[in-house]
N, C-alpha and C. Protein backbone atom coordinates (compact mmCIF):
# COMPACT_ATOMS: atom_id res chain seq x y z
N MET A 1 3.78 -0.05 21.59
CA MET A 1 3.33 1.25 22.15
C MET A 1 2.54 1.98 21.12
N ASN A 2 1.40 2.39 21.45
CA ASN A 2 0.55 3.20 20.53
C ASN A 2 0.89 4.66 20.60
N GLU A 3 0.29 5.43 19.73
CA GLU A 3 0.57 6.86 19.59
C GLU A 3 0.37 7.59 20.90
N GLN A 4 -0.80 7.29 21.53
CA GLN A 4 -1.12 8.01 22.76
C GLN A 4 -0.12 7.73 23.88
N ASP A 5 0.26 6.46 23.98
CA ASP A 5 1.32 6.11 25.02
C ASP A 5 2.61 6.83 24.73
N PHE A 6 3.01 6.87 23.44
CA PHE A 6 4.25 7.57 23.10
C PHE A 6 4.17 9.04 23.48
N GLN A 7 3.08 9.69 23.12
CA GLN A 7 2.91 11.09 23.42
C GLN A 7 2.93 11.36 24.94
N ASN A 8 2.26 10.46 25.66
CA ASN A 8 2.26 10.58 27.16
C ASN A 8 3.65 10.46 27.73
N LYS A 9 4.37 9.44 27.30
CA LYS A 9 5.72 9.22 27.81
C LYS A 9 6.66 10.37 27.42
N LEU A 10 6.52 10.83 26.20
CA LEU A 10 7.37 11.95 25.74
C LEU A 10 7.06 13.23 26.57
N GLY A 11 5.75 13.42 26.85
CA GLY A 11 5.42 14.59 27.71
C GLY A 11 5.94 14.48 29.08
N GLU A 12 5.93 13.26 29.66
CA GLU A 12 6.47 13.03 31.02
C GLU A 12 7.96 13.30 30.99
N LEU A 13 8.66 12.80 29.95
CA LEU A 13 10.07 12.98 29.80
C LEU A 13 10.44 14.46 29.69
N MET A 14 9.66 15.21 28.86
CA MET A 14 9.93 16.65 28.71
C MET A 14 9.71 17.37 30.01
N GLN A 15 8.69 16.95 30.80
CA GLN A 15 8.43 17.60 32.11
C GLN A 15 9.63 17.29 33.09
N GLN A 16 10.12 16.07 33.10
CA GLN A 16 11.21 15.76 33.96
C GLN A 16 12.54 16.47 33.52
N ILE A 17 12.68 16.60 32.19
CA ILE A 17 13.88 17.31 31.70
C ILE A 17 13.80 18.74 32.11
N GLY A 18 12.56 19.35 32.09
CA GLY A 18 12.34 20.74 32.45
C GLY A 18 12.71 21.04 33.92
N GLU A 19 12.75 20.01 34.75
CA GLU A 19 13.08 20.19 36.13
C GLU A 19 14.57 20.13 36.41
N LEU A 20 15.35 19.74 35.40
CA LEU A 20 16.81 19.63 35.57
C LEU A 20 17.48 21.00 35.54
N PRO A 21 18.70 21.06 36.01
CA PRO A 21 19.46 22.29 35.86
C PRO A 21 19.69 22.64 34.40
N THR A 22 19.82 23.91 34.09
CA THR A 22 19.89 24.38 32.72
C THR A 22 21.05 23.71 31.95
N ASP A 23 22.16 23.55 32.56
CA ASP A 23 23.35 22.95 31.86
C ASP A 23 23.04 21.50 31.37
N GLN A 24 22.24 20.81 32.13
CA GLN A 24 21.90 19.39 31.73
C GLN A 24 20.64 19.40 30.82
N ARG A 25 19.78 20.34 31.00
CA ARG A 25 18.51 20.35 30.31
C ARG A 25 18.66 20.52 28.80
N GLU A 26 19.48 21.41 28.32
CA GLU A 26 19.55 21.69 26.97
C GLU A 26 19.79 20.52 26.05
N ARG A 27 20.78 19.73 26.33
CA ARG A 27 21.13 18.55 25.55
C ARG A 27 20.05 17.51 25.56
N LEU A 28 19.41 17.27 26.70
CA LEU A 28 18.34 16.29 26.80
C LEU A 28 17.08 16.79 26.09
N GLU A 29 16.77 18.10 26.10
CA GLU A 29 15.65 18.60 25.36
C GLU A 29 15.86 18.42 23.84
N GLN A 30 17.15 18.63 23.41
CA GLN A 30 17.43 18.41 22.01
C GLN A 30 17.25 16.94 21.62
N MET A 31 17.72 16.04 22.46
CA MET A 31 17.59 14.63 22.19
C MET A 31 16.10 14.20 22.12
N ALA A 32 15.29 14.72 23.07
CA ALA A 32 13.91 14.37 23.10
C ALA A 32 13.17 14.97 21.87
N GLY A 33 13.58 16.17 21.42
CA GLY A 33 12.99 16.74 20.22
C GLY A 33 13.34 15.92 19.04
N GLU A 34 14.60 15.45 18.93
CA GLU A 34 15.04 14.58 17.85
C GLU A 34 14.22 13.25 17.82
N ALA A 35 13.96 12.70 19.02
CA ALA A 35 13.13 11.47 19.12
C ALA A 35 11.75 11.72 18.58
N ARG A 36 11.21 12.91 18.96
CA ARG A 36 9.85 13.21 18.50
C ARG A 36 9.83 13.38 16.96
N ASP A 37 10.87 14.05 16.42
CA ASP A 37 10.94 14.18 14.97
C ASP A 37 11.07 12.87 14.24
N ARG A 38 11.91 11.99 14.78
CA ARG A 38 12.12 10.67 14.18
C ARG A 38 10.76 9.89 14.22
N HIS A 39 10.07 9.98 15.33
CA HIS A 39 8.81 9.30 15.50
C HIS A 39 7.80 9.80 14.45
N ASN A 40 7.74 11.12 14.30
CA ASN A 40 6.82 11.73 13.32
C ASN A 40 7.16 11.28 11.86
N ARG A 41 8.49 11.28 11.57
CA ARG A 41 8.87 10.82 10.26
C ARG A 41 8.56 9.34 10.03
N MET A 42 8.73 8.54 11.03
CA MET A 42 8.46 7.11 10.95
C MET A 42 6.92 6.92 10.74
N LYS A 43 6.21 7.72 11.50
CA LYS A 43 4.70 7.62 11.44
C LYS A 43 4.24 7.97 10.01
N LYS A 44 4.80 9.01 9.43
CA LYS A 44 4.51 9.45 8.07
C LYS A 44 4.94 8.39 7.04
N THR A 45 6.11 7.84 7.25
CA THR A 45 6.58 6.73 6.39
C THR A 45 5.65 5.56 6.43
N ILE A 46 5.18 5.18 7.58
CA ILE A 46 4.29 4.04 7.71
C ILE A 46 2.92 4.35 7.06
N THR A 47 2.42 5.54 7.22
CA THR A 47 1.18 5.96 6.59
C THR A 47 1.32 5.91 5.03
N ASP A 48 2.44 6.43 4.55
CA ASP A 48 2.72 6.40 3.13
C ASP A 48 2.82 4.98 2.61
N LEU A 49 3.44 4.10 3.36
CA LEU A 49 3.58 2.72 2.98
C LEU A 49 2.22 2.07 2.94
N GLN A 50 1.36 2.29 3.98
CA GLN A 50 0.06 1.71 3.99
C GLN A 50 -0.80 2.23 2.74
N ASP A 51 -0.67 3.51 2.44
CA ASP A 51 -1.40 4.01 1.27
C ASP A 51 -0.88 3.37 0.03
N SER A 52 0.41 3.17 -0.13
CA SER A 52 0.97 2.49 -1.28
C SER A 52 0.47 1.02 -1.37
N LEU A 53 0.40 0.35 -0.21
CA LEU A 53 -0.09 -1.03 -0.25
C LEU A 53 -1.56 -1.07 -0.63
N ASP A 54 -2.35 -0.14 -0.17
CA ASP A 54 -3.78 -0.07 -0.48
C ASP A 54 -3.94 0.12 -2.01
N TYR A 55 -3.11 1.06 -2.57
CA TYR A 55 -3.14 1.32 -4.03
C TYR A 55 -2.75 0.06 -4.78
N LEU A 56 -1.70 -0.61 -4.33
CA LEU A 56 -1.24 -1.87 -4.94
C LEU A 56 -2.39 -2.92 -4.93
N ARG A 57 -2.99 -3.10 -3.76
CA ARG A 57 -4.11 -4.06 -3.69
C ARG A 57 -5.19 -3.75 -4.68
N LEU A 58 -5.59 -2.51 -4.77
CA LEU A 58 -6.60 -2.08 -5.68
C LEU A 58 -6.17 -2.32 -7.09
N SER A 59 -4.93 -2.02 -7.41
CA SER A 59 -4.41 -2.23 -8.78
C SER A 59 -4.41 -3.71 -9.11
N VAL A 60 -4.06 -4.57 -8.19
CA VAL A 60 -4.07 -5.96 -8.46
C VAL A 60 -5.49 -6.49 -8.67
N LYS A 61 -6.45 -5.97 -7.93
CA LYS A 61 -7.88 -6.32 -8.12
C LYS A 61 -8.32 -6.01 -9.54
N TYR A 62 -7.93 -4.75 -9.98
CA TYR A 62 -8.32 -4.32 -11.37
C TYR A 62 -7.62 -5.22 -12.44
N ILE A 63 -6.41 -5.55 -12.16
CA ILE A 63 -5.65 -6.39 -13.12
C ILE A 63 -6.27 -7.80 -13.22
N MET A 64 -6.57 -8.34 -12.09
CA MET A 64 -7.25 -9.62 -12.06
C MET A 64 -8.60 -9.56 -12.75
N PHE A 65 -9.39 -8.57 -12.51
CA PHE A 65 -10.68 -8.40 -13.22
C PHE A 65 -10.47 -8.32 -14.71
N ASP A 66 -9.45 -7.56 -15.17
CA ASP A 66 -9.18 -7.42 -16.55
C ASP A 66 -8.71 -8.74 -17.15
N LEU A 67 -7.84 -9.46 -16.42
CA LEU A 67 -7.35 -10.79 -16.85
C LEU A 67 -8.48 -11.74 -17.04
N GLU A 68 -9.45 -11.79 -16.08
CA GLU A 68 -10.56 -12.68 -16.26
C GLU A 68 -11.43 -12.30 -17.39
N ALA A 69 -11.65 -11.02 -17.60
CA ALA A 69 -12.47 -10.54 -18.74
C ALA A 69 -11.75 -10.91 -20.04
N THR A 70 -10.48 -10.76 -20.14
CA THR A 70 -9.74 -11.07 -21.35
C THR A 70 -9.79 -12.58 -21.58
N ARG A 71 -9.73 -13.39 -20.56
CA ARG A 71 -9.84 -14.86 -20.70
C ARG A 71 -11.20 -15.25 -21.28
N ARG A 72 -12.24 -14.63 -20.71
CA ARG A 72 -13.61 -14.88 -21.20
C ARG A 72 -13.77 -14.47 -22.69
N GLU A 73 -13.27 -13.31 -23.01
CA GLU A 73 -13.31 -12.79 -24.37
C GLU A 73 -12.52 -13.76 -25.30
N ASN A 74 -11.38 -14.21 -24.90
CA ASN A 74 -10.53 -15.11 -25.62
C ASN A 74 -11.27 -16.41 -25.90
N ALA A 75 -11.86 -16.97 -24.88
CA ALA A 75 -12.63 -18.19 -25.05
C ALA A 75 -13.79 -18.00 -25.99
N TYR A 76 -14.48 -16.93 -25.83
CA TYR A 76 -15.57 -16.62 -26.72
C TYR A 76 -15.10 -16.50 -28.18
N LEU A 77 -14.08 -15.81 -28.47
CA LEU A 77 -13.52 -15.61 -29.79
C LEU A 77 -13.02 -16.98 -30.35
N ARG A 78 -12.43 -17.80 -29.52
CA ARG A 78 -11.97 -19.11 -29.98
C ARG A 78 -13.18 -19.97 -30.47
N LYS A 79 -14.23 -19.87 -29.72
CA LYS A 79 -15.42 -20.63 -30.09
C LYS A 79 -15.99 -20.08 -31.47
N LEU A 80 -15.96 -18.77 -31.59
CA LEU A 80 -16.43 -18.20 -32.87
C LEU A 80 -15.53 -18.68 -34.03
N LEU A 81 -14.26 -18.68 -33.82
CA LEU A 81 -13.33 -19.14 -34.85
C LEU A 81 -13.56 -20.60 -35.19
N GLU A 82 -13.72 -21.44 -34.13
CA GLU A 82 -14.00 -22.88 -34.36
C GLU A 82 -15.25 -23.08 -35.14
N LYS A 83 -16.30 -22.34 -34.83
CA LYS A 83 -17.57 -22.50 -35.56
C LYS A 83 -17.37 -22.00 -37.01
N SER A 84 -16.65 -20.91 -37.17
CA SER A 84 -16.38 -20.39 -38.48
C SER A 84 -15.56 -21.40 -39.31
N ALA A 85 -14.56 -21.99 -38.66
CA ALA A 85 -13.72 -22.99 -39.36
C ALA A 85 -14.55 -24.22 -39.74
N GLU A 86 -15.44 -24.66 -38.85
CA GLU A 86 -16.31 -25.75 -39.15
C GLU A 86 -17.22 -25.45 -40.34
N GLY A 87 -17.74 -24.32 -40.41
CA GLY A 87 -18.59 -23.87 -41.45
C GLY A 87 -17.91 -23.85 -42.78
N HIS A 88 -16.64 -23.42 -42.78
CA HIS A 88 -15.85 -23.38 -44.04
C HIS A 88 -15.44 -24.75 -44.45
N ASP A 89 -15.18 -25.63 -43.47
CA ASP A 89 -14.86 -27.05 -43.83
C ASP A 89 -16.04 -27.77 -44.45
N ASP A 90 -17.23 -27.53 -43.96
CA ASP A 90 -18.38 -28.12 -44.53
C ASP A 90 -18.61 -27.58 -45.95
N GLY A 91 -18.40 -26.30 -46.15
CA GLY A 91 -18.59 -25.71 -47.48
C GLY A 91 -17.57 -26.19 -48.45
N ASN A 92 -16.32 -26.40 -48.06
CA ASN A 92 -15.25 -26.87 -48.96
C ASN A 92 -15.52 -28.34 -49.40
N GLY A 93 -16.08 -29.17 -48.52
CA GLY A 93 -16.32 -30.60 -48.86
C GLY A 93 -17.42 -30.77 -49.87
N ALA A 94 -18.34 -29.78 -49.93
CA ALA A 94 -19.51 -29.92 -50.86
C ALA A 94 -19.19 -29.56 -52.27
N ASP A 95 -18.07 -28.91 -52.52
CA ASP A 95 -17.68 -28.44 -53.93
C ASP A 95 -17.33 -29.58 -54.78
């Protein structure tokens, strides 16, 4: 059930409750109000959860980007170290 359907059904229910005798109406109006409040809290919780998931996805993308950059930098530095070590080995053998 989407939001519009829920609001329509709740409106119909409130209208039907309004037609009841006063002694029956009060308790049902309270229950319908509680249902509306729970629905609104649930909707807010779901929105907050979706926002948190979006933030998590973005954070993971940044972390993956950083990880790949670190790997590239690491490989580059290893190559520099290997070249440097080869240069020193050649220099030590000539002495």
